[in-house]
Amino acid sequence: VKASNGVIHAIDTVLMPSEKDIVDTAVAAGKFGTLAAALKAADLVEALKGAGPFTVFAPTDEAFAKLPKGTLDSLLKPENKATLTKILTYHVVAGNIDSKAVLKAIKKGNGKAELTTVAGGKITAMLEGGKVVIMDEKGGKSYVTIADVRQSNGVIHVVDSVLLPN
């Protein structure tokens, strides 16, 4: 239906925003099994199911597979819970920071935007070849492969490498 200010499309269903939270979406996606297991081992599931909002730079199973052999198995042991928690919360920033906000901050920062993680560390967002890259404190880089997966309690940006704090 044409209107003076645009077009109206009639549909036969009500469109609702996602009612899934960050954890439910990660589990349902099928490519974050390692992240889900790590969140459980670190007792962070309930925290990330909370109201938020959170911005999560979520590493895929393939990202975790890039870690040196034995690293993940070691991190999942109960005696390494504090280290695992620090690494996982290093991927979380308080607030709902979508890709537009990230790009605006990069531009405002003359090519770099520093974000403070829930772990208290810093990550740096920048552009390389037109793609958003997140650099950790050790200089490791992780490319954002999917941005703006909006959830009821924040937003997920999928990354291709695990970020490591100092």
Protein backbone atom coordinates (compact mmCIF):
# COMPACT_ATOMS: atom_id res chain seq x y z
CA VAL A 1 0.00 0.00 0.00
CA LYS A 2 1.49 3.31 -1.06
CA ALA A 3 1.41 6.17 1.43
CA SER A 4 2.54 9.78 1.20
CA ASN A 5 5.71 9.02 3.18
CA GLY A 6 6.51 5.50 1.95
CA VAL A 7 5.01 2.06 1.47
CA ILE A 8 3.08 -0.12 3.92
CA HIS A 9 3.55 -3.87 3.67
CA ALA A 10 0.81 -6.01 5.23
CA ILE A 11 2.01 -9.23 6.84
CA ASP A 12 0.19 -12.03 8.63
CA THR A 13 2.35 -12.24 11.75
CA VAL A 14 3.66 -9.99 14.49
CA LEU A 15 7.42 -9.40 14.36
CA MET A 16 8.97 -9.40 17.81
CA PRO A 17 12.53 -8.53 18.83
CA SER A 18 14.70 -11.39 19.99
CA GLU A 19 13.75 -12.59 23.44
CA LYS A 20 16.85 -14.73 23.62
CA ASP A 21 19.71 -13.54 25.72
CA ILE A 22 23.38 -13.68 24.79
CA VAL A 23 23.95 -17.14 26.27
CA ASP A 24 20.83 -18.72 24.72
CA THR A 25 21.78 -17.39 21.31
CA ALA A 26 25.38 -18.61 21.58
CA VAL A 27 24.21 -22.10 22.54
CA ALA A 28 21.56 -22.23 19.79
CA ALA A 29 23.94 -21.01 17.07
CA GLY A 30 25.94 -24.23 17.12
CA LYS A 31 29.35 -22.65 16.54
CA PHE A 32 29.95 -21.49 20.10
CA GLY A 33 30.03 -24.83 21.93
CA THR A 34 33.48 -24.15 23.34
CA LEU A 35 32.45 -20.69 24.52
CA ALA A 36 29.32 -22.11 26.16
CA ALA A 37 31.36 -24.82 27.93
CA ALA A 38 33.89 -22.24 29.08
CA LEU A 39 31.16 -19.92 30.40
CA LYS A 40 29.72 -22.84 32.37
CA ALA A 41 33.14 -23.83 33.75
CA ALA A 42 33.74 -20.22 34.86
CA ASP A 43 30.25 -19.88 36.39
CA LEU A 44 29.49 -16.94 34.09
CA VAL A 45 26.29 -18.26 32.48
CA GLU A 46 23.92 -16.54 34.91
CA ALA A 47 25.87 -13.28 34.74
CA LEU A 48 25.56 -13.13 30.95
CA LYS A 49 21.90 -14.08 31.16
CA GLY A 50 21.42 -10.98 33.35
CA ALA A 51 19.83 -7.71 32.30
CA GLY A 52 23.01 -6.16 30.94
CA PRO A 53 23.33 -4.62 28.53
CA PHE A 54 26.51 -6.35 27.41
CA THR A 55 28.60 -6.22 24.28
CA VAL A 56 30.26 -9.58 23.74
CA PHE A 57 33.08 -10.22 21.27
CA ALA A 58 32.29 -13.94 20.96
CA PRO A 59 35.00 -16.32 19.73
CA THR A 60 33.79 -19.26 17.65
CA ASP A 61 34.84 -22.87 18.17
CA GLU A 62 37.39 -22.30 15.39
CA ALA A 63 38.80 -19.32 17.29
CA PHE A 64 39.34 -21.46 20.38
CA ALA A 65 40.94 -24.14 18.19
CA LYS A 66 43.68 -21.62 17.27
CA LEU A 67 44.96 -21.59 20.87
CA PRO A 68 48.13 -23.62 21.45
CA LYS A 69 47.47 -27.31 21.96
CA GLY A 70 46.43 -28.11 25.52
CA THR A 71 45.62 -24.51 26.46
CA LEU A 72 41.86 -24.90 26.42
CA ASP A 73 41.92 -28.20 28.32
CA SER A 74 44.10 -26.56 30.94
CA LEU A 75 41.83 -23.50 31.23
CA LEU A 76 38.74 -25.67 31.75
CA LYS A 77 40.25 -27.31 34.85
CA PRO A 78 38.73 -26.14 38.16
CA GLU A 79 42.10 -24.92 39.45
CA ASN A 80 42.33 -22.47 36.50
CA LYS A 81 38.85 -20.99 36.95
CA ALA A 82 40.18 -17.51 37.83
CA THR A 83 42.30 -17.35 34.66
CA LEU A 84 39.41 -18.63 32.51
CA THR A 85 37.07 -16.06 34.06
CA LYS A 86 39.55 -13.26 33.33
CA ILE A 87 39.87 -14.34 29.68
CA LEU A 88 36.11 -14.68 29.16
CA THR A 89 35.24 -11.37 30.83
CA TYR A 90 37.97 -9.77 28.71
CA HIS A 91 35.60 -10.40 25.76
CA VAL A 92 32.76 -8.44 27.39
CA VAL A 93 32.24 -4.67 27.48
CA ALA A 94 29.48 -3.09 29.56
CA GLY A 95 26.82 -1.41 27.43
CA ASN A 96 25.16 -2.04 24.10
CA ILE A 97 27.85 -1.07 21.59
CA ASP A 98 26.71 -1.82 18.07
CA SER A 99 28.87 -1.60 14.96
CA LYS A 100 27.82 2.00 14.26
CA ALA A 101 29.03 3.03 17.72
CA VAL A 102 32.30 1.12 17.25
CA LEU A 103 32.94 2.79 13.88
CA LYS A 104 32.06 6.22 15.29
CA ALA A 105 34.51 5.69 18.19
CA ILE A 106 37.25 4.56 15.78
CA LYS A 107 36.73 7.68 13.69
CA LYS A 108 36.68 9.92 16.78
CA GLY A 109 39.88 8.26 18.03
CA ASN A 110 41.71 8.92 14.74
CA GLY A 111 41.68 5.27 13.71
CA LYS A 112 41.56 3.54 17.11
CA ALA A 113 38.98 3.16 19.85
CA GLU A 114 39.97 1.85 23.26
CA LEU A 115 37.29 -0.11 25.12
CA THR A 116 37.43 -1.17 28.76
CA THR A 117 36.36 -4.75 29.33
CA VAL A 118 34.44 -6.18 32.27
CA ALA A 119 37.74 -7.83 33.28
CA GLY A 120 39.21 -4.34 33.64
CA GLY A 121 41.58 -4.66 30.69
CA LYS A 122 41.67 -2.71 27.46
CA ILE A 123 40.92 -3.81 23.91
CA THR A 124 41.42 -1.61 20.88
CA ALA A 125 39.06 -1.48 17.92
CA MET A 126 40.43 -0.36 14.56
CA LEU A 127 39.96 -0.85 10.86
CA GLU A 128 42.17 -2.98 8.62
CA GLY A 129 41.24 -3.39 4.99
CA GLY A 130 37.76 -2.10 5.72
CA LYS A 131 37.18 -4.71 8.44
CA VAL A 132 36.87 -4.10 12.17
CA VAL A 133 39.72 -5.65 14.11
CA ILE A 134 39.92 -5.99 17.88
CA MET A 135 43.45 -5.97 19.29
CA ASP A 136 44.16 -7.33 22.76
CA GLU A 137 46.75 -6.03 25.22
CA LYS A 138 49.33 -8.51 23.92
CA GLY A 139 48.98 -7.25 20.34
CA GLY A 140 46.90 -10.22 19.16
CA LYS A 141 44.28 -9.37 16.56
CA SER A 142 40.81 -10.78 16.08
CA TYR A 143 38.60 -9.86 13.12
CA VAL A 144 34.89 -9.24 13.59
CA THR A 145 33.28 -11.69 11.17
CA ILE A 146 29.64 -11.01 12.07
CA ALA A 147 28.48 -7.80 13.74
CA ASP A 148 25.33 -6.70 15.52
CA VAL A 149 23.68 -9.95 16.58
CA ARG A 150 21.17 -8.14 18.79
CA GLN A 151 19.84 -9.87 21.90
CA SER A 152 17.45 -9.06 24.72
CA ASN A 153 20.39 -8.11 26.96
CA GLY A 154 22.94 -6.72 24.54
CA VAL A 155 24.75 -7.40 21.31
CA ILE A 156 27.15 -10.06 20.06
CA HIS A 157 29.98 -9.44 17.62
CA VAL A 158 31.49 -12.72 16.39
CA VAL A 159 35.30 -12.77 16.32
CA ASP A 160 37.73 -15.21 14.73
CA SER A 161 40.37 -15.37 17.52
CA VAL A 162 40.43 -15.47 21.30
CA LEU A 163 41.48 -12.18 22.91
CA LEU A 164 44.06 -12.50 25.70
CA PRO A 165 44.56 -10.03 28.54
CA ASN A 166 47.98 -9.20 30.03
